[in-house]
Amino acid sequence: MKHKRLILCLSFVILYLCSYLALSLGGAYMPFSYGLNGIKDWAWAPCGFRDDSGRWRAGLVIAFYPLYWIDSRYWHDDWTASSGPKKMPVQPRTVAL
């Protein structure tokens, strides 16, 4: 019984890690903060963590927060975004009346 539980827990951990890695492979740096002269900082956003308008999706961020924290501190820690792909949020269209 203990072996089955151990195998189940290890399977869950491996699935959790692999799913984050798959999301991170499709990720990009997106603007994090803006200043008077434009973009000040960039933040790593794995695929699906942000929508096209640049808003964070809380469900994925909360679910993968431990791995995202480690990833953004030790692997994707380039706030200038010069070491990876960049993605700009889609600006909403304004309708002239």
PDB file of N, CA and C in Angstrom:
ATOM      1  N   MET A   1       0.822  -1.205   0.000  1.00  0.00           N
ATOM      2  CA  MET A   1       0.000   0.000   0.000  1.00  0.00           C
ATOM      3  C   MET A   1       0.867   1.272   0.000  1.00  0.00           C
ATOM      4  N   LYS A   2       1.970   1.246   0.778  1.00  0.00           N
ATOM      5  CA  LYS A   2       2.844   2.413   0.838  1.00  0.00           C
ATOM      6  C   LYS A   2       3.543   2.648  -0.493  1.00  0.00           C
ATOM      7  N   HIS A   3       3.872   1.571  -1.186  1.00  0.00           N
ATOM      8  CA  HIS A   3       4.536   1.714  -2.482  1.00  0.00           C
ATOM      9  C   HIS A   3       3.595   2.347  -3.511  1.00  0.00           C
ATOM     10  N   LYS A   4       2.348   1.989  -3.465  1.00  0.00           N
ATOM     11  CA  LYS A   4       1.378   2.572  -4.399  1.00  0.00           C
ATOM     12  C   LYS A   4       1.213   4.066  -4.135  1.00  0.00           C
ATOM     13  N   ARG A   5       1.171   4.419  -2.862  1.00  0.00           N
ATOM     14  CA  ARG A   5       1.034   5.829  -2.495  1.00  0.00           C
ATOM     15  C   ARG A   5       2.270   6.621  -2.923  1.00  0.00           C
ATOM     16  N   LEU A   6       3.444   6.041  -2.733  1.00  0.00           N
ATOM     17  CA  LEU A   6       4.684   6.692  -3.142  1.00  0.00           C
ATOM     18  C   LEU A   6       4.734   6.869  -4.656  1.00  0.00           C
ATOM     19  N   ILE A   7       4.365   5.847  -5.385  1.00  0.00           N
ATOM     20  CA  ILE A   7       4.343   5.934  -6.846  1.00  0.00           C
ATOM     21  C   ILE A   7       3.336   6.978  -7.306  1.00  0.00           C
ATOM     22  N   LEU A   8       2.183   7.043  -6.669  1.00  0.00           N
ATOM     23  CA  LEU A   8       1.172   8.040  -7.022  1.00  0.00           C
ATOM     24  C   LEU A   8       1.682   9.464  -6.750  1.00  0.00           C
ATOM     25  N   CYS A   9       2.329   9.665  -5.616  1.00  0.00           N
ATOM     26  CA  CYS A   9       2.865  10.996  -5.286  1.00  0.00           C
ATOM     27  C   CYS A   9       3.985  11.393  -6.246  1.00  0.00           C
ATOM     28  N   LEU A  10       4.870  10.471  -6.552  1.00  0.00           N
ATOM     29  CA  LEU A  10       5.953  10.773  -7.495  1.00  0.00           C
ATOM     30  C   LEU A  10       5.404  11.055  -8.890  1.00  0.00           C
ATOM     31  N   SER A  11       4.382  10.328  -9.283  1.00  0.00           N
ATOM     32  CA  SER A  11       3.760  10.567 -10.589  1.00  0.00           C
ATOM     33  C   SER A  11       3.147  11.960 -10.652  1.00  0.00           C
ATOM     34  N   PHE A  12       2.493  12.377  -9.568  1.00  0.00           N
ATOM     35  CA  PHE A  12       1.905  13.717  -9.525  1.00  0.00           C
ATOM     36  C   PHE A  12       2.977  14.793  -9.609  1.00  0.00           C
ATOM     37  N   VAL A  13       4.073  14.630  -8.874  1.00  0.00           N
ATOM     38  CA  VAL A  13       5.154  15.616  -8.889  1.00  0.00           C
ATOM     39  C   VAL A  13       5.785  15.697 -10.276  1.00  0.00           C
ATOM     40  N   ILE A  14       6.010  14.557 -10.909  1.00  0.00           N
ATOM     41  CA  ILE A  14       6.603  14.556 -12.248  1.00  0.00           C
ATOM     42  C   ILE A  14       5.651  15.200 -13.254  1.00  0.00           C
ATOM     43  N   LEU A  15       4.368  14.904 -13.168  1.00  0.00           N
ATOM     44  CA  LEU A  15       3.377  15.526 -14.055  1.00  0.00           C
ATOM     45  C   LEU A  15       3.315  17.036 -13.839  1.00  0.00           C
ATOM     46  N   TYR A  16       3.368  17.470 -12.587  1.00  0.00           N
ATOM     47  CA  TYR A  16       3.354  18.894 -12.240  1.00  0.00           C
ATOM     48  C   TYR A  16       4.567  19.611 -12.837  1.00  0.00           C
ATOM     49  N   LEU A  17       5.760  19.027 -12.668  1.00  0.00           N
ATOM     50  CA  LEU A  17       6.976  19.630 -13.203  1.00  0.00           C
ATOM     51  C   LEU A  17       6.968  19.658 -14.731  1.00  0.00           C
ATOM     52  N   CYS A  18       6.576  18.565 -15.346  1.00  0.00           N
ATOM     53  CA  CYS A  18       6.569  18.506 -16.811  1.00  0.00           C
ATOM     54  C   CYS A  18       5.554  19.455 -17.424  1.00  0.00           C
ATOM     55  N   SER A  19       4.407  19.616 -16.778  1.00  0.00           N
ATOM     56  CA  SER A  19       3.414  20.547 -17.324  1.00  0.00           C
ATOM     57  C   SER A  19       3.903  21.986 -17.235  1.00  0.00           C
ATOM     58  N   TYR A  20       4.593  22.360 -16.146  1.00  0.00           N
ATOM     59  CA  TYR A  20       5.150  23.703 -16.070  1.00  0.00           C
ATOM     60  C   TYR A  20       6.248  23.899 -17.110  1.00  0.00           C
ATOM     61  N   LEU A  21       7.098  22.894 -17.283  1.00  0.00           N
ATOM     62  CA  LEU A  21       8.162  22.999 -18.285  1.00  0.00           C
ATOM     63  C   LEU A  21       7.588  23.175 -19.689  1.00  0.00           C
ATOM     64  N   ALA A  22       6.505  22.475 -19.981  1.00  0.00           N
ATOM     65  CA  ALA A  22       5.870  22.625 -21.294  1.00  0.00           C
ATOM     66  C   ALA A  22       5.323  24.039 -21.473  1.00  0.00           C
ATOM     67  N   LEU A  23       4.726  24.606 -20.422  1.00  0.00           N
ATOM     68  CA  LEU A  23       4.219  25.977 -20.504  1.00  0.00           C
ATOM     69  C   LEU A  23       5.363  26.975 -20.625  1.00  0.00           C
ATOM     70  N   SER A  24       6.457  26.721 -19.920  1.00  0.00           N
ATOM     71  CA  SER A  24       7.583  27.644 -19.937  1.00  0.00           C
ATOM     72  C   SER A  24       8.306  27.649 -21.285  1.00  0.00           C
ATOM     73  N   LEU A  25       8.302  26.524 -21.981  1.00  0.00           N
ATOM     74  CA  LEU A  25       8.950  26.476 -23.296  1.00  0.00           C
ATOM     75  C   LEU A  25       8.283  27.426 -24.291  1.00  0.00           C
ATOM     76  N   GLY A  26       6.988  27.653 -24.149  1.00  0.00           N
ATOM     77  CA  GLY A  26       6.277  28.557 -25.045  1.00  0.00           C
ATOM     78  C   GLY A  26       6.137  29.961 -24.495  1.00  0.00           C
ATOM     79  N   GLY A  27       6.822  30.273 -23.416  1.00  0.00           N
ATOM     80  CA  GLY A  27       6.690  31.573 -22.776  1.00  0.00           C
ATOM     81  C   GLY A  27       7.500  32.669 -23.445  1.00  0.00           C
ATOM     82  N   ALA A  28       7.314  33.889 -22.932  1.00  0.00           N
ATOM     83  CA  ALA A  28       8.030  35.051 -23.454  1.00  0.00           C
ATOM     84  C   ALA A  28       8.092  36.115 -22.356  1.00  0.00           C
ATOM     85  N   TYR A  29       9.021  37.043 -22.530  1.00  0.00           N
ATOM     86  CA  TYR A  29       9.081  38.191 -21.633  1.00  0.00           C
ATOM     87  C   TYR A  29       7.996  39.180 -22.036  1.00  0.00           C
ATOM     88  N   MET A  30       7.254  39.672 -21.037  1.00  0.00           N
ATOM     89  CA  MET A  30       6.209  40.664 -21.288  1.00  0.00           C
ATOM     90  C   MET A  30       6.459  41.857 -20.380  1.00  0.00           C
ATOM     91  N   PRO A  31       5.991  43.044 -20.788  1.00  0.00           N
ATOM     92  CA  PRO A  31       6.200  44.238 -19.950  1.00  0.00           C
ATOM     93  C   PRO A  31       5.632  44.041 -18.551  1.00  0.00           C
ATOM     94  N   PHE A  32       6.402  44.449 -17.559  1.00  0.00           N
ATOM     95  CA  PHE A  32       5.977  44.321 -16.169  1.00  0.00           C
ATOM     96  C   PHE A  32       5.644  45.668 -15.553  1.00  0.00           C
ATOM     97  N   SER A  33       6.469  46.660 -15.817  1.00  0.00           N
ATOM     98  CA  SER A  33       6.193  48.000 -15.290  1.00  0.00           C
ATOM     99  C   SER A  33       6.560  49.039 -16.339  1.00  0.00           C
ATOM    100  N   TYR A  34       5.813  50.129 -16.306  1.00  0.00           N
ATOM    101  CA  TYR A  34       5.986  51.215 -17.264  1.00  0.00           C
ATOM    102  C   TYR A  34       6.417  52.477 -16.528  1.00  0.00           C
ATOM    103  N   GLY A  35       7.187  53.299 -17.212  1.00  0.00           N
ATOM    104  CA  GLY A  35       7.593  54.588 -16.682  1.00  0.00           C
ATOM    105  C   GLY A  35       7.232  55.680 -17.667  1.00  0.00           C
ATOM    106  N   LEU A  36       7.742  56.873 -17.459  1.00  0.00           N
ATOM    107  CA  LEU A  36       7.431  57.988 -18.348  1.00  0.00           C
ATOM    108  C   LEU A  36       8.006  57.783 -19.748  1.00  0.00           C
ATOM    109  N   ASN A  37       9.107  57.053 -19.844  1.00  0.00           N
ATOM    110  CA  ASN A  37       9.740  56.822 -21.144  1.00  0.00           C
ATOM    111  C   ASN A  37       9.389  55.472 -21.752  1.00  0.00           C
ATOM    112  N   GLY A  38       8.401  54.801 -21.224  1.00  0.00           N
ATOM    113  CA  GLY A  38       7.990  53.512 -21.783  1.00  0.00           C
ATOM    114  C   GLY A  38       8.187  52.381 -20.795  1.00  0.00           C
ATOM    115  N   ILE A  39       8.563  51.227 -21.299  1.00  0.00           N
ATOM    116  CA  ILE A  39       8.696  50.018 -20.485  1.00  0.00           C
ATOM    117  C   ILE A  39       9.951  50.101 -19.624  1.00  0.00           C
ATOM    118  N   LYS A  40       9.790  49.871 -18.306  1.00  0.00           N
ATOM    119  CA  LYS A  40      10.921  49.880 -17.384  1.00  0.00           C
ATOM    120  C   LYS A  40      11.447  48.471 -17.137  1.00  0.00           C
ATOM    121  N   ASP A  41      10.563  47.528 -16.888  1.00  0.00           N
ATOM    122  CA  ASP A  41      10.950  46.164 -16.557  1.00  0.00           C
ATOM    123  C   ASP A  41      10.147  45.160 -17.369  1.00  0.00           C
ATOM    124  N   TRP A  42      10.767  44.007 -17.600  1.00  0.00           N
ATOM    125  CA  TRP A  42      10.121  42.897 -18.269  1.00  0.00           C
ATOM    126  C   TRP A  42      10.045  41.735 -17.282  1.00  0.00           C
ATOM    127  N   ALA A  43       9.011  40.897 -17.403  1.00  0.00           N
ATOM    128  CA  ALA A  43       8.870  39.721 -16.547  1.00  0.00           C
ATOM    129  C   ALA A  43       8.593  38.505 -17.415  1.00  0.00           C
ATOM    130  N   TRP A  44       9.117  37.373 -17.000  1.00  0.00           N
ATOM    131  CA  TRP A  44       8.891  36.137 -17.723  1.00  0.00           C
ATOM    132  C   TRP A  44       7.450  35.688 -17.518  1.00  0.00           C
ATOM    133  N   ALA A  45       6.799  35.310 -18.589  1.00  0.00           N
ATOM    134  CA  ALA A  45       5.421  34.822 -18.530  1.00  0.00           C
ATOM    135  C   ALA A  45       5.323  33.533 -19.345  1.00  0.00           C
ATOM    136  N   PRO A  46       5.224  32.381 -18.668  1.00  0.00           N
ATOM    137  CA  PRO A  46       5.022  31.145 -19.411  1.00  0.00           C
ATOM    138  C   PRO A  46       3.728  31.201 -20.229  1.00  0.00           C
ATOM    139  N   CYS A  47       3.653  30.360 -21.225  1.00  0.00           N
ATOM    140  CA  CYS A  47       2.493  30.334 -22.115  1.00  0.00           C
ATOM    141  C   CYS A  47       1.195  30.151 -21.308  1.00  0.00           C
ATOM    142  N   GLY A  48       0.255  31.045 -21.506  1.00  0.00           N
ATOM    143  CA  GLY A  48      -1.026  30.956 -20.827  1.00  0.00           C
ATOM    144  C   GLY A  48      -1.115  31.713 -19.519  1.00  0.00           C
ATOM    145  N   PHE A  49       0.005  32.180 -18.966  1.00  0.00           N
ATOM    146  CA  PHE A  49      -0.033  32.911 -17.708  1.00  0.00           C
ATOM    147  C   PHE A  49      -0.611  34.312 -17.880  1.00  0.00           C
ATOM    148  N   ARG A  50      -0.521  34.858 -19.081  1.00  0.00           N
ATOM    149  CA  ARG A  50      -1.084  36.173 -19.370  1.00  0.00           C
ATOM    150  C   ARG A  50      -1.946  36.069 -20.609  1.00  0.00           C
ATOM    151  N   ASP A  51      -3.015  36.869 -20.641  1.00  0.00           N
ATOM    152  CA  ASP A  51      -3.849  36.882 -21.840  1.00  0.00           C
ATOM    153  C   ASP A  51      -3.287  37.882 -22.846  1.00  0.00           C
ATOM    154  N   ASP A  52      -3.962  38.050 -23.965  1.00  0.00           N
ATOM    155  CA  ASP A  52      -3.442  38.920 -25.025  1.00  0.00           C
ATOM    156  C   ASP A  52      -3.378  40.386 -24.628  1.00  0.00           C
ATOM    157  N   SER A  53      -4.161  40.793 -23.629  1.00  0.00           N
ATOM    158  CA  SER A  53      -4.111  42.188 -23.196  1.00  0.00           C
ATOM    159  C   SER A  53      -3.030  42.428 -22.139  1.00  0.00           C
ATOM    160  N   GLY A  54      -2.347  41.365 -21.703  1.00  0.00           N
ATOM    161  CA  GLY A  54      -1.273  41.517 -20.733  1.00  0.00           C
ATOM    162  C   GLY A  54      -1.679  41.268 -19.300  1.00  0.00           C
ATOM    163  N   ARG A  55      -2.929  40.911 -19.052  1.00  0.00           N
ATOM    164  CA  ARG A  55      -3.385  40.654 -17.683  1.00  0.00           C
ATOM    165  C   ARG A  55      -2.981  39.246 -17.259  1.00  0.00           C
ATOM    166  N   TRP A  56      -2.560  39.125 -15.989  1.00  0.00           N
ATOM    167  CA  TRP A  56      -2.176  37.825 -15.459  1.00  0.00           C
ATOM    168  C   TRP A  56      -3.423  36.980 -15.232  1.00  0.00           C
ATOM    169  N   ARG A  57      -3.341  35.696 -15.517  1.00  0.00           N
ATOM    170  CA  ARG A  57      -4.418  34.744 -15.244  1.00  0.00           C
ATOM    171  C   ARG A  57      -4.144  34.124 -13.882  1.00  0.00           C
ATOM    172  N   ALA A  58      -4.939  34.504 -12.909  1.00  0.00           N
ATOM    173  CA  ALA A  58      -4.681  34.133 -11.519  1.00  0.00           C
ATOM    174  C   ALA A  58      -4.682  32.630 -11.298  1.00  0.00           C
ATOM    175  N   GLY A  59      -5.532  31.897 -11.974  1.00  0.00           N
ATOM    176  CA  GLY A  59      -5.615  30.454 -11.755  1.00  0.00           C
ATOM    177  C   GLY A  59      -4.313  29.734 -12.040  1.00  0.00           C
ATOM    178  N   LEU A  60      -3.704  30.032 -13.172  1.00  0.00           N
ATOM    179  CA  LEU A  60      -2.434  29.383 -13.512  1.00  0.00           C
ATOM    180  C   LEU A  60      -1.293  29.874 -12.638  1.00  0.00           C
ATOM    181  N   VAL A  61      -1.289  31.155 -12.341  1.00  0.00           N
ATOM    182  CA  VAL A  61      -0.215  31.706 -11.498  1.00  0.00           C
ATOM    183  C   VAL A  61      -0.265  31.075 -10.108  1.00  0.00           C
ATOM    184  N   ILE A  62      -1.452  30.949  -9.534  1.00  0.00           N
ATOM    185  CA  ILE A  62      -1.580  30.354  -8.202  1.00  0.00           C
ATOM    186  C   ILE A  62      -1.211  28.874  -8.231  1.00  0.00           C
ATOM    187  N   ALA A  63      -1.665  28.161  -9.257  1.00  0.00           N
ATOM    188  CA  ALA A  63      -1.390  26.728  -9.338  1.00  0.00           C
ATOM    189  C   ALA A  63       0.100  26.422  -9.479  1.00  0.00           C
ATOM    190  N   PHE A  64       0.810  27.251 -10.234  1.00  0.00           N
ATOM    191  CA  PHE A  64       2.224  26.994 -10.494  1.00  0.00           C
ATOM    192  C   PHE A  64       3.147  27.987  -9.806  1.00  0.00           C
ATOM    193  N   TYR A  65       2.673  28.691  -8.787  1.00  0.00           N
ATOM    194  CA  TYR A  65       3.477  29.748  -8.183  1.00  0.00           C
ATOM    195  C   TYR A  65       4.836  29.273  -7.659  1.00  0.00           C
ATOM    196  N   PRO A  66       4.947  28.129  -6.977  1.00  0.00           N
ATOM    197  CA  PRO A  66       6.292  27.730  -6.506  1.00  0.00           C
ATOM    198  C   PRO A  66       7.290  27.558  -7.653  1.00  0.00           C
ATOM    199  N   LEU A  67       6.872  26.926  -8.725  1.00  0.00           N
ATOM    200  CA  LEU A  67       7.776  26.731  -9.864  1.00  0.00           C
ATOM    201  C   LEU A  67       8.024  28.041 -10.601  1.00  0.00           C
ATOM    202  N   TYR A  68       6.993  28.886 -10.715  1.00  0.00           N
ATOM    203  CA  TYR A  68       7.173  30.181 -11.375  1.00  0.00           C
ATOM    204  C   TYR A  68       8.165  31.042 -10.590  1.00  0.00           C
ATOM    205  N   TRP A  69       8.074  31.019  -9.279  1.00  0.00           N
ATOM    206  CA  TRP A  69       8.975  31.813  -8.445  1.00  0.00           C
ATOM    207  C   TRP A  69      10.420  31.361  -8.642  1.00  0.00           C
ATOM    208  N   ILE A  70      10.645  30.048  -8.608  1.00  0.00           N
ATOM    209  CA  ILE A  70      11.994  29.521  -8.815  1.00  0.00           C
ATOM    210  C   ILE A  70      12.487  29.864 -10.217  1.00  0.00           C
ATOM    211  N   ASP A  71      11.621  29.679 -11.211  1.00  0.00           N
ATOM    212  CA  ASP A  71      11.987  29.949 -12.599  1.00  0.00           C
ATOM    213  C   ASP A  71      12.349  31.415 -12.813  1.00  0.00           C
ATOM    214  N   SER A  72      11.537  32.315 -12.302  1.00  0.00           N
ATOM    215  CA  SER A  72      11.780  33.743 -12.534  1.00  0.00           C
ATOM    216  C   SER A  72      12.934  34.290 -11.697  1.00  0.00           C
ATOM    217  N   ARG A  73      13.327  33.593 -10.636  1.00  0.00           N
ATOM    218  CA  ARG A  73      14.459  34.047  -9.819  1.00  0.00           C
ATOM    219  C   ARG A  73      15.802  33.508 -10.312  1.00  0.00           C
ATOM    220  N   TYR A  74      15.799  32.276 -10.836  1.00  0.00           N
ATOM    221  CA  TYR A  74      17.065  31.627 -11.139  1.00  0.00           C
ATOM    222  C   TYR A  74      17.302  31.343 -12.618  1.00  0.00           C
ATOM    223  N   TRP A  75      16.260  31.228 -13.423  1.00  0.00           N
ATOM    224  CA  TRP A  75      16.463  30.910 -14.833  1.00  0.00           C
ATOM    225  C   TRP A  75      16.098  32.090 -15.720  1.00  0.00           C
ATOM    226  N   HIS A  76      14.890  32.570 -15.643  1.00  0.00           N
ATOM    227  CA  HIS A  76      14.426  33.700 -16.459  1.00  0.00           C
ATOM    228  C   HIS A  76      14.434  34.970 -15.612  1.00  0.00           C
ATOM    229  N   ASP A  77      15.604  35.394 -15.193  1.00  0.00           N
ATOM    230  CA  ASP A  77      15.725  36.547 -14.294  1.00  0.00           C
ATOM    231  C   ASP A  77      16.244  37.806 -14.997  1.00  0.00           C
ATOM    232  N   ASP A  78      16.082  37.874 -16.302  1.00  0.00           N
ATOM    233  CA  ASP A  78      16.586  39.011 -17.081  1.00  0.00           C
ATOM    234  C   ASP A  78      15.489  40.075 -17.200  1.00  0.00           C
ATOM    235  N   TRP A  79      15.522  41.100 -16.364  1.00  0.00           N
ATOM    236  CA  TRP A  79      14.476  42.130 -16.396  1.00  0.00           C
ATOM    237  C   TRP A  79      14.576  43.019 -17.630  1.00  0.00           C
ATOM    238  N   THR A  80      15.700  42.920 -18.370  1.00  0.00           N
ATOM    239  CA  THR A  80      15.832  43.693 -19.610  1.00  0.00           C
ATOM    240  C   THR A  80      15.254  42.939 -20.799  1.00  0.00           C
ATOM    241  N   ALA A  81      14.991  41.642 -20.635  1.00  0.00           N
ATOM    242  CA  ALA A  81      14.423  40.770 -21.671  1.00  0.00           C
ATOM    243  C   ALA A  81      15.321  40.639 -22.885  1.00  0.00           C
ATOM    244  N   SER A  82      16.610  40.815 -22.705  1.00  0.00           N
ATOM    245  CA  SER A  82      17.520  40.705 -23.842  1.00  0.00           C
ATOM    246  C   SER A  82      17.932  39.259 -24.115  1.00  0.00           C
ATOM    247  N   SER A  83      17.578  38.333 -23.233  1.00  0.00           N
ATOM    248  CA  SER A  83      18.019  36.952 -23.403  1.00  0.00           C
ATOM    249  C   SER A  83      16.924  36.012 -23.894  1.00  0.00           C
ATOM    250  N   GLY A  84      15.778  36.531 -24.260  1.00  0.00           N
ATOM    251  CA  GLY A  84      14.711  35.636 -24.693  1.00  0.00           C
ATOM    252  C   GLY A  84      13.687  36.334 -25.549  1.00  0.00           C
ATOM    253  N   PRO A  85      12.669  35.598 -25.970  1.00  0.00           N
ATOM    254  CA  PRO A  85      11.637  36.204 -26.811  1.00  0.00           C
ATOM    255  C   PRO A  85      10.804  37.225 -26.034  1.00  0.00           C
ATOM    256  N   LYS A  86      10.367  38.247 -26.732  1.00  0.00           N
ATOM    257  CA  LYS A  86       9.519  39.285 -26.141  1.00  0.00           C
ATOM    258  C   LYS A  86       8.141  39.228 -26.789  1.00  0.00           C
ATOM    259  N   LYS A  87       7.148  39.616 -26.029  1.00  0.00           N
ATOM    260  CA  LYS A  87       5.787  39.672 -26.545  1.00  0.00           C
ATOM    261  C   LYS A  87       5.118  40.908 -25.970  1.00  0.00           C
ATOM    262  N   MET A  88       4.582  41.723 -26.840  1.00  0.00           N
ATOM    263  CA  MET A  88       3.876  42.930 -26.402  1.00  0.00           C
ATOM    264  C   MET A  88       2.390  42.622 -26.303  1.00  0.00           C
ATOM    265  N   PRO A  89       1.721  43.110 -25.263  1.00  0.00           N
ATOM    266  CA  PRO A  89       0.282  42.913 -25.164  1.00  0.00           C
ATOM    267  C   PRO A  89      -0.449  43.619 -26.309  1.00  0.00           C
ATOM    268  N   VAL A  90      -1.551  43.051 -26.697  1.00  0.00           N
ATOM    269  CA  VAL A  90      -2.379  43.655 -27.734  1.00  0.00           C
ATOM    270  C   VAL A  90      -3.105  44.842 -27.125  1.00  0.00           C
ATOM    271  N   GLN A  91      -3.004  45.985 -27.769  1.00  0.00           N
ATOM    272  CA  GLN A  91      -3.685  47.176 -27.285  1.00  0.00           C
ATOM    273  C   GLN A  91      -5.153  47.137 -27.693  1.00  0.00           C
ATOM    274  N   PRO A  92      -6.063  47.447 -26.769  1.00  0.00           N
ATOM    275  CA  PRO A  92      -7.478  47.436 -27.135  1.00  0.00           C
ATOM    276  C   PRO A  92      -7.790  48.519 -28.159  1.00  0.00           C
ATOM    277  N   ARG A  93      -8.671  48.183 -29.037  1.00  0.00           N
ATOM    278  CA  ARG A  93      -9.079  49.163 -30.051  1.00  0.00           C
ATOM    279  C   ARG A  93     -10.045  50.155 -29.461  1.00  0.00           C
ATOM    280  N   THR A  94      -9.891  51.381 -29.857  1.00  0.00           N
ATOM    281  CA  THR A  94     -10.826  52.405 -29.431  1.00  0.00           C
ATOM    282  C   THR A  94     -11.787  52.684 -30.579  1.00  0.00           C
ATOM    283  N   VAL A  95     -13.027  52.830 -30.225  1.00  0.00           N
ATOM    284  CA  VAL A  95     -14.047  53.063 -31.227  1.00  0.00           C
ATOM    285  C   VAL A  95     -14.399  54.557 -31.208  1.00  0.00           C
ATOM    286  N   ALA A  96     -14.261  55.189 -32.350  1.00  0.00           N
ATOM    287  CA  ALA A  96     -14.617  56.602 -32.441  1.00  0.00           C
ATOM    288  C   ALA A  96     -16.124  56.717 -32.674  1.00  0.00           C
ATOM    289  N   LEU A  97     -16.737  57.545 -31.889  1.00  0.00           N
ATOM    290  CA  LEU A  97     -18.185  57.757 -32.031  1.00  0.00           C
ATOM    291  C   LEU A  97     -18.486  59.009 -32.811  1.00  0.00           C
TER     292      LEU A  97
END
